[in-house]
Amino acid sequence: MKLLDIGEVAKQSGTKPSTLRYYEDKGLIQSLSRNGLRRQYGPMVLEQLALIALGKQGGFSLDEIGAMFGPEGQPEIARTELDARADEIQRQAQRLEALSEMMRHVATCPASNHMECDKFQRLLRLATRIQRRGGTPKGKS
């Protein structure tokens, strides 16, 4: 097995060496040896870093991501957690879509006063309903 120097891991993964050291301190990745003062990693670290990046993009904390790795660094992901997170991302996307529609309408609305515009009033009511429901538009749960 060819070991990768911390600089090579940083270059291939796009992760700063300081972040790699931080991830190692948090127990997310593990160096296998040192060459002088430079940490050496196994090739599997690149997959682990990709999973960490994906988890961060999904809104998981580093502690939550760490819990998704087994003792040998292999992923042990609870599918129910992923399903719940996907639902939350979908709700967030729906909220953002409604907000985007409202902003576009405000930007292009010919009414001199937005508060007198029927469509703007409907969008405001929709935003209020979404807020009360915790982010799920009617019929989209």
N, C-alpha and C. Protein backbone atom coordinates (compact mmCIF):
# COMPACT_ATOMS: atom_id res chain seq x y z
N MET A 1 0.85 -1.18 0.00
CA MET A 1 0.00 0.00 0.00
C MET A 1 0.90 1.24 0.00
N LYS A 2 0.62 2.12 -0.96
CA LYS A 2 1.39 3.35 -1.06
C LYS A 2 0.79 4.39 -0.13
N LEU A 3 1.63 4.95 0.73
CA LEU A 3 1.17 6.00 1.64
C LEU A 3 1.23 7.35 0.95
N LEU A 4 0.32 8.21 1.35
CA LEU A 4 0.24 9.56 0.80
C LEU A 4 0.69 10.56 1.85
N ASP A 5 1.59 11.43 1.46
CA ASP A 5 2.07 12.51 2.32
C ASP A 5 0.92 13.52 2.53
N ILE A 6 0.91 14.19 3.65
CA ILE A 6 -0.14 15.15 3.97
C ILE A 6 -0.30 16.20 2.86
N GLY A 7 0.81 16.60 2.24
CA GLY A 7 0.73 17.56 1.15
C GLY A 7 0.01 16.99 -0.07
N GLU A 8 0.26 15.72 -0.36
CA GLU A 8 -0.41 15.07 -1.48
C GLU A 8 -1.89 14.89 -1.20
N VAL A 9 -2.23 14.53 0.03
CA VAL A 9 -3.64 14.39 0.41
C VAL A 9 -4.34 15.74 0.28
N ALA A 10 -3.68 16.80 0.75
CA ALA A 10 -4.26 18.14 0.64
C ALA A 10 -4.49 18.51 -0.82
N LYS A 11 -3.52 18.23 -1.66
CA LYS A 11 -3.62 18.57 -3.08
C LYS A 11 -4.74 17.78 -3.75
N GLN A 12 -4.79 16.47 -3.52
CA GLN A 12 -5.79 15.63 -4.18
C GLN A 12 -7.21 15.87 -3.67
N SER A 13 -7.33 16.22 -2.40
CA SER A 13 -8.67 16.36 -1.81
C SER A 13 -9.16 17.81 -1.80
N GLY A 14 -8.25 18.77 -1.98
CA GLY A 14 -8.64 20.17 -1.87
C GLY A 14 -8.85 20.60 -0.43
N THR A 15 -8.31 19.84 0.51
CA THR A 15 -8.45 20.12 1.94
C THR A 15 -7.12 20.65 2.46
N LYS A 16 -7.15 21.75 3.18
CA LYS A 16 -5.92 22.34 3.71
C LYS A 16 -5.26 21.38 4.71
N PRO A 17 -3.93 21.39 4.78
CA PRO A 17 -3.24 20.55 5.76
C PRO A 17 -3.70 20.82 7.20
N SER A 18 -3.98 22.08 7.51
CA SER A 18 -4.45 22.40 8.87
C SER A 18 -5.80 21.73 9.13
N THR A 19 -6.65 21.65 8.12
CA THR A 19 -7.95 20.97 8.27
C THR A 19 -7.73 19.47 8.43
N LEU A 20 -6.78 18.92 7.69
CA LEU A 20 -6.48 17.49 7.84
C LEU A 20 -6.02 17.18 9.26
N ARG A 21 -5.17 18.03 9.81
CA ARG A 21 -4.72 17.82 11.18
C ARG A 21 -5.89 17.94 12.16
N TYR A 22 -6.78 18.91 11.90
CA TYR A 22 -7.96 19.08 12.75
C TYR A 22 -8.86 17.85 12.68
N TYR A 23 -9.10 17.35 11.47
CA TYR A 23 -9.92 16.14 11.31
C TYR A 23 -9.29 14.96 12.04
N GLU A 24 -7.97 14.90 12.01
CA GLU A 24 -7.28 13.82 12.72
C GLU A 24 -7.46 13.98 14.23
N ASP A 25 -7.34 15.20 14.73
CA ASP A 25 -7.55 15.46 16.16
C ASP A 25 -8.97 15.08 16.59
N LYS A 26 -9.96 15.28 15.67
CA LYS A 26 -11.36 14.95 15.96
C LYS A 26 -11.65 13.46 15.79
N GLY A 27 -10.66 12.71 15.27
CA GLY A 27 -10.85 11.27 15.08
C GLY A 27 -11.58 10.91 13.79
N LEU A 28 -11.70 11.84 12.86
CA LEU A 28 -12.38 11.57 11.60
C LEU A 28 -11.50 10.81 10.61
N ILE A 29 -10.21 11.10 10.63
CA ILE A 29 -9.25 10.40 9.79
C ILE A 29 -8.07 10.02 10.67
N GLN A 30 -7.21 9.18 10.13
CA GLN A 30 -6.07 8.72 10.93
C GLN A 30 -4.84 8.60 10.04
N SER A 31 -3.75 9.22 10.48
CA SER A 31 -2.50 9.02 9.76
C SER A 31 -1.94 7.67 10.16
N LEU A 32 -1.21 7.04 9.24
CA LEU A 32 -0.68 5.71 9.51
C LEU A 32 0.77 5.75 9.98
N SER A 33 1.48 6.82 9.61
CA SER A 33 2.88 6.95 10.04
C SER A 33 3.32 8.38 9.77
N ARG A 34 4.61 8.60 9.98
CA ARG A 34 5.20 9.91 9.70
C ARG A 34 6.49 9.70 8.91
N ASN A 35 6.74 10.67 8.06
CA ASN A 35 8.01 10.74 7.35
C ASN A 35 8.65 12.02 7.84
N GLY A 36 9.50 11.91 8.84
CA GLY A 36 10.00 13.09 9.53
C GLY A 36 8.84 13.65 10.34
N LEU A 37 8.49 14.91 10.11
CA LEU A 37 7.36 15.51 10.80
C LEU A 37 6.07 15.45 9.98
N ARG A 38 6.18 14.95 8.76
CA ARG A 38 5.03 14.95 7.85
C ARG A 38 4.19 13.67 8.02
N ARG A 39 2.91 13.87 8.20
CA ARG A 39 1.99 12.75 8.38
C ARG A 39 1.81 12.00 7.06
N GLN A 40 1.62 10.71 7.18
CA GLN A 40 1.41 9.84 6.03
C GLN A 40 0.06 9.15 6.20
N TYR A 41 -0.72 9.12 5.12
CA TYR A 41 -2.07 8.55 5.15
C TYR A 41 -2.19 7.43 4.13
N GLY A 42 -3.09 6.51 4.41
CA GLY A 42 -3.43 5.48 3.43
C GLY A 42 -4.33 6.06 2.36
N PRO A 43 -4.42 5.40 1.21
CA PRO A 43 -5.24 5.93 0.12
C PRO A 43 -6.73 6.04 0.47
N MET A 44 -7.20 5.27 1.45
CA MET A 44 -8.60 5.32 1.86
C MET A 44 -8.98 6.69 2.42
N VAL A 45 -8.00 7.47 2.85
CA VAL A 45 -8.29 8.78 3.44
C VAL A 45 -8.99 9.69 2.44
N LEU A 46 -8.71 9.51 1.16
CA LEU A 46 -9.35 10.35 0.14
C LEU A 46 -10.85 10.08 0.09
N GLU A 47 -11.24 8.82 0.21
CA GLU A 47 -12.67 8.48 0.25
C GLU A 47 -13.30 9.02 1.53
N GLN A 48 -12.59 8.91 2.65
CA GLN A 48 -13.10 9.43 3.91
C GLN A 48 -13.32 10.94 3.81
N LEU A 49 -12.38 11.64 3.21
CA LEU A 49 -12.50 13.10 3.06
C LEU A 49 -13.67 13.45 2.14
N ALA A 50 -13.89 12.65 1.10
CA ALA A 50 -15.04 12.89 0.22
C ALA A 50 -16.35 12.69 0.99
N LEU A 51 -16.40 11.67 1.85
CA LEU A 51 -17.60 11.45 2.67
C LEU A 51 -17.80 12.57 3.68
N ILE A 52 -16.71 13.06 4.25
CA ILE A 52 -16.80 14.19 5.18
C ILE A 52 -17.35 15.41 4.46
N ALA A 53 -16.83 15.68 3.26
CA ALA A 53 -17.31 16.84 2.47
C ALA A 53 -18.80 16.68 2.15
N LEU A 54 -19.22 15.48 1.76
CA LEU A 54 -20.62 15.23 1.45
C LEU A 54 -21.49 15.43 2.70
N GLY A 55 -21.03 14.92 3.82
CA GLY A 55 -21.77 15.09 5.07
C GLY A 55 -21.91 16.54 5.46
N LYS A 56 -20.85 17.31 5.31
CA LYS A 56 -20.91 18.74 5.62
C LYS A 56 -21.89 19.45 4.69
N GLN A 57 -21.87 19.09 3.41
CA GLN A 57 -22.82 19.70 2.47
C GLN A 57 -24.25 19.33 2.82
N GLY A 58 -24.44 18.15 3.42
CA GLY A 58 -25.76 17.70 3.84
C GLY A 58 -26.20 18.29 5.16
N GLY A 59 -25.35 19.10 5.78
CA GLY A 59 -25.72 19.76 7.02
C GLY A 59 -25.38 18.99 8.28
N PHE A 60 -24.63 17.90 8.16
CA PHE A 60 -24.24 17.13 9.34
C PHE A 60 -23.06 17.82 10.03
N SER A 61 -23.03 17.77 11.34
CA SER A 61 -21.90 18.31 12.10
C SER A 61 -20.74 17.32 11.99
N LEU A 62 -19.55 17.78 12.32
CA LEU A 62 -18.40 16.87 12.29
C LEU A 62 -18.57 15.72 13.27
N ASP A 63 -19.20 15.97 14.41
CA ASP A 63 -19.45 14.88 15.37
C ASP A 63 -20.41 13.85 14.78
N GLU A 64 -21.45 14.33 14.08
CA GLU A 64 -22.38 13.40 13.44
C GLU A 64 -21.68 12.61 12.34
N ILE A 65 -20.83 13.29 11.59
CA ILE A 65 -20.07 12.61 10.53
C ILE A 65 -19.14 11.57 11.13
N GLY A 66 -18.48 11.93 12.22
CA GLY A 66 -17.58 10.99 12.88
C GLY A 66 -18.29 9.72 13.32
N ALA A 67 -19.54 9.86 13.74
CA ALA A 67 -20.33 8.70 14.17
C ALA A 67 -20.70 7.81 12.99
N MET A 68 -20.52 8.29 11.77
CA MET A 68 -20.85 7.52 10.58
C MET A 68 -19.70 6.64 10.11
N PHE A 69 -18.57 6.71 10.80
CA PHE A 69 -17.42 5.88 10.46
C PHE A 69 -17.26 4.78 11.50
N GLY A 70 -17.03 3.57 11.03
CA GLY A 70 -16.78 2.45 11.93
C GLY A 70 -15.36 2.50 12.45
N PRO A 71 -14.98 1.52 13.27
CA PRO A 71 -13.65 1.52 13.89
C PRO A 71 -12.49 1.50 12.89
N GLU A 72 -12.69 0.92 11.73
CA GLU A 72 -11.62 0.85 10.73
C GLU A 72 -11.71 1.99 9.72
N GLY A 73 -12.58 2.98 10.00
CA GLY A 73 -12.72 4.11 9.10
C GLY A 73 -13.67 3.87 7.95
N GLN A 74 -14.29 2.69 7.91
CA GLN A 74 -15.27 2.40 6.86
C GLN A 74 -16.60 3.05 7.21
N PRO A 75 -17.34 3.51 6.20
CA PRO A 75 -18.63 4.15 6.48
C PRO A 75 -19.63 3.15 7.06
N GLU A 76 -20.31 3.59 8.09
CA GLU A 76 -21.41 2.84 8.70
C GLU A 76 -22.54 3.84 8.89
N ILE A 77 -23.23 4.13 7.79
CA ILE A 77 -24.20 5.22 7.75
C ILE A 77 -25.60 4.70 8.03
N ALA A 78 -26.26 5.31 8.99
CA ALA A 78 -27.64 4.96 9.30
C ALA A 78 -28.55 5.57 8.24
N ARG A 79 -29.18 4.71 7.48
CA ARG A 79 -30.01 5.18 6.36
C ARG A 79 -31.20 6.02 6.84
N THR A 80 -31.71 5.72 8.02
CA THR A 80 -32.84 6.50 8.52
C THR A 80 -32.42 7.95 8.77
N GLU A 81 -31.20 8.15 9.26
CA GLU A 81 -30.69 9.51 9.46
C GLU A 81 -30.56 10.25 8.13
N LEU A 82 -30.06 9.53 7.12
CA LEU A 82 -29.92 10.16 5.80
C LEU A 82 -31.28 10.51 5.22
N ASP A 83 -32.25 9.62 5.39
CA ASP A 83 -33.59 9.86 4.89
C ASP A 83 -34.20 11.09 5.57
N ALA A 84 -34.03 11.19 6.88
CA ALA A 84 -34.56 12.35 7.61
C ALA A 84 -33.87 13.63 7.16
N ARG A 85 -32.57 13.57 6.94
CA ARG A 85 -31.83 14.77 6.49
C ARG A 85 -32.27 15.15 5.08
N ALA A 86 -32.50 14.16 4.22
CA ALA A 86 -32.98 14.45 2.86
C ALA A 86 -34.34 15.14 2.91
N ASP A 87 -35.21 14.70 3.83
CA ASP A 87 -36.51 15.35 3.99
C ASP A 87 -36.34 16.81 4.41
N GLU A 88 -35.42 17.06 5.33
CA GLU A 88 -35.18 18.43 5.79
C GLU A 88 -34.63 19.29 4.66
N ILE A 89 -33.74 18.74 3.86
CA ILE A 89 -33.19 19.49 2.72
C ILE A 89 -34.30 19.81 1.73
N GLN A 90 -35.21 18.85 1.51
CA GLN A 90 -36.33 19.09 0.60
C GLN A 90 -37.23 20.20 1.12
N ARG A 91 -37.51 20.20 2.43
CA ARG A 91 -38.32 21.27 3.02
C ARG A 91 -37.62 22.62 2.87
N GLN A 92 -36.32 22.62 3.08
CA GLN A 92 -35.55 23.85 2.93
C GLN A 92 -35.60 24.33 1.48
N ALA A 93 -35.49 23.42 0.53
CA ALA A 93 -35.57 23.79 -0.88
C ALA A 93 -36.93 24.38 -1.22
N GLN A 94 -37.99 23.84 -0.64
CA GLN A 94 -39.33 24.37 -0.87
C GLN A 94 -39.46 25.78 -0.30
N ARG A 95 -38.91 25.99 0.88
CA ARG A 95 -38.95 27.34 1.47
C ARG A 95 -38.19 28.32 0.59
N LEU A 96 -37.02 27.90 0.11
CA LEU A 96 -36.21 28.77 -0.74
C LEU A 96 -36.89 29.04 -2.08
N GLU A 97 -37.58 28.03 -2.62
CA GLU A 97 -38.30 28.23 -3.87
C GLU A 97 -39.41 29.27 -3.70
N ALA A 98 -40.16 29.18 -2.60
CA ALA A 98 -41.22 30.16 -2.34
C ALA A 98 -40.62 31.55 -2.16
N LEU A 99 -39.52 31.65 -1.46
CA LEU A 99 -38.86 32.93 -1.26
C LEU A 99 -38.36 33.50 -2.59
N SER A 100 -37.79 32.64 -3.42
CA SER A 100 -37.30 33.07 -4.72
C SER A 100 -38.44 33.60 -5.58
N GLU A 101 -39.58 32.89 -5.57
CA GLU A 101 -40.74 33.34 -6.34
C GLU A 101 -41.22 34.70 -5.86
N MET A 102 -41.24 34.87 -4.55
CA MET A 102 -41.67 36.15 -4.00
C MET A 102 -40.72 37.27 -4.42
N MET A 103 -39.44 37.04 -4.31
CA MET A 103 -38.46 38.07 -4.67
C MET A 103 -38.54 38.42 -6.16
N ARG A 104 -38.72 37.40 -7.00
CA ARG A 104 -38.84 37.67 -8.44
C ARG A 104 -40.08 38.50 -8.72
N HIS A 105 -41.16 38.17 -8.03
CA HIS A 105 -42.38 38.95 -8.26
C HIS A 105 -42.19 40.39 -7.80
N VAL A 106 -41.59 40.57 -6.65
CA VAL A 106 -41.36 41.94 -6.16
C VAL A 106 -40.48 42.71 -7.13
N ALA A 107 -39.49 42.03 -7.71
CA ALA A 107 -38.58 42.70 -8.64
C ALA A 107 -39.27 43.10 -9.94
N THR A 108 -40.31 42.36 -10.35
CA THR A 108 -40.92 42.64 -11.64
C THR A 108 -42.37 43.13 -11.55
N CYS A 109 -42.92 43.20 -10.38
CA CYS A 109 -44.33 43.58 -10.19
C CYS A 109 -44.57 45.01 -10.68
N PRO A 110 -45.59 45.19 -11.54
CA PRO A 110 -45.86 46.53 -12.05
C PRO A 110 -46.63 47.42 -11.06
N ALA A 111 -47.13 46.83 -9.96
CA ALA A 111 -47.90 47.63 -9.00
C ALA A 111 -47.01 48.69 -8.36
N SER A 112 -47.59 49.85 -8.14
CA SER A 112 -46.80 50.93 -7.52
C SER A 112 -46.56 50.65 -6.05
N ASN A 113 -47.46 49.88 -5.43
CA ASN A 113 -47.31 49.50 -4.02
C ASN A 113 -47.51 47.99 -3.93
N HIS A 114 -46.49 47.26 -3.56
CA HIS A 114 -46.56 45.80 -3.50
C HIS A 114 -47.68 45.31 -2.58
N MET A 115 -47.96 46.04 -1.54
CA MET A 115 -48.99 45.61 -0.59
C MET A 115 -50.39 45.65 -1.21
N GLU A 116 -50.55 46.32 -2.34
CA GLU A 116 -51.84 46.36 -3.03
C GLU A 116 -51.93 45.31 -4.14
N CYS A 117 -50.88 44.55 -4.33
CA CYS A 117 -50.81 43.54 -5.39
C CYS A 117 -51.40 42.22 -4.88
N ASP A 118 -52.40 41.68 -5.59
CA ASP A 118 -53.05 40.44 -5.18
C ASP A 118 -52.06 39.27 -5.12
N LYS A 119 -51.22 39.14 -6.15
CA LYS A 119 -50.27 38.02 -6.16
C LYS A 119 -49.29 38.13 -5.00
N PHE A 120 -48.82 39.33 -4.73
CA PHE A 120 -47.90 39.52 -3.61
C PHE A 120 -48.58 39.15 -2.29
N GLN A 121 -49.82 39.50 -2.13
CA GLN A 121 -50.58 39.14 -0.92
C GLN A 121 -50.70 37.62 -0.79
N ARG A 122 -50.96 36.93 -1.92
CA ARG A 122 -51.03 35.45 -1.89
C ARG A 122 -49.68 34.87 -1.49
N LEU A 123 -48.60 35.43 -2.03
CA LEU A 123 -47.26 34.94 -1.69
C LEU A 123 -46.96 35.16 -0.21
N LEU A 124 -47.39 36.29 0.32
CA LEU A 124 -47.19 36.56 1.76
C LEU A 124 -47.94 35.53 2.61
N ARG A 125 -49.19 35.23 2.22
CA ARG A 125 -49.97 34.23 2.97
C ARG A 125 -49.31 32.85 2.88
N LEU A 126 -48.80 32.52 1.70
CA LEU A 126 -48.09 31.24 1.53
C LEU A 126 -46.87 31.19 2.44
N ALA A 127 -46.10 32.26 2.47
CA ALA A 127 -44.91 32.31 3.33
C ALA A 127 -45.29 32.14 4.80
N THR A 128 -46.40 32.74 5.20
CA THR A 128 -46.86 32.60 6.59
C THR A 128 -47.27 31.16 6.89
N ARG A 129 -47.99 30.53 5.94
CA ARG A 129 -48.39 29.12 6.15
C ARG A 129 -47.17 28.21 6.24
N ILE A 130 -46.22 28.44 5.36
CA ILE A 130 -45.00 27.63 5.38
C ILE A 130 -44.28 27.79 6.72
N GLN A 131 -44.20 29.02 7.20
CA GLN A 131 -43.54 29.28 8.48
C GLN A 131 -44.25 28.55 9.62
N ARG A 132 -45.58 28.61 9.64
CA ARG A 132 -46.34 27.94 10.69
C ARG A 132 -46.19 26.43 10.65
N ARG A 133 -46.07 25.88 9.46
CA ARG A 133 -45.94 24.42 9.30
C ARG A 133 -44.51 23.93 9.51
N GLY A 134 -43.60 24.81 9.72
CA GLY A 134 -42.21 24.40 9.88
C GLY A 134 -41.52 24.15 8.55
N GLY A 135 -42.03 24.80 7.50
CA GLY A 135 -41.33 24.74 6.23
C GLY A 135 -41.92 23.82 5.19
N THR A 136 -43.12 23.28 5.39
CA THR A 136 -43.69 22.38 4.40
C THR A 136 -44.93 23.00 3.77
N PRO A 137 -44.85 23.37 2.48
CA PRO A 137 -46.04 23.90 1.82
C PRO A 137 -47.15 22.86 1.80
N LYS A 138 -48.40 23.33 1.79
CA LYS A 138 -49.56 22.44 1.79
C LYS A 138 -49.48 21.46 0.62
N GLY A 139 -49.69 20.18 0.94
CA GLY A 139 -49.68 19.15 -0.09
C GLY A 139 -48.29 18.71 -0.52
N LYS A 140 -47.25 19.19 0.12
CA LYS A 140 -45.89 18.86 -0.30
C LYS A 140 -45.10 18.18 0.81
N SER A 141 -45.77 17.55 1.77
CA SER A 141 -45.03 16.97 2.91
C SER A 141 -44.36 15.69 2.60
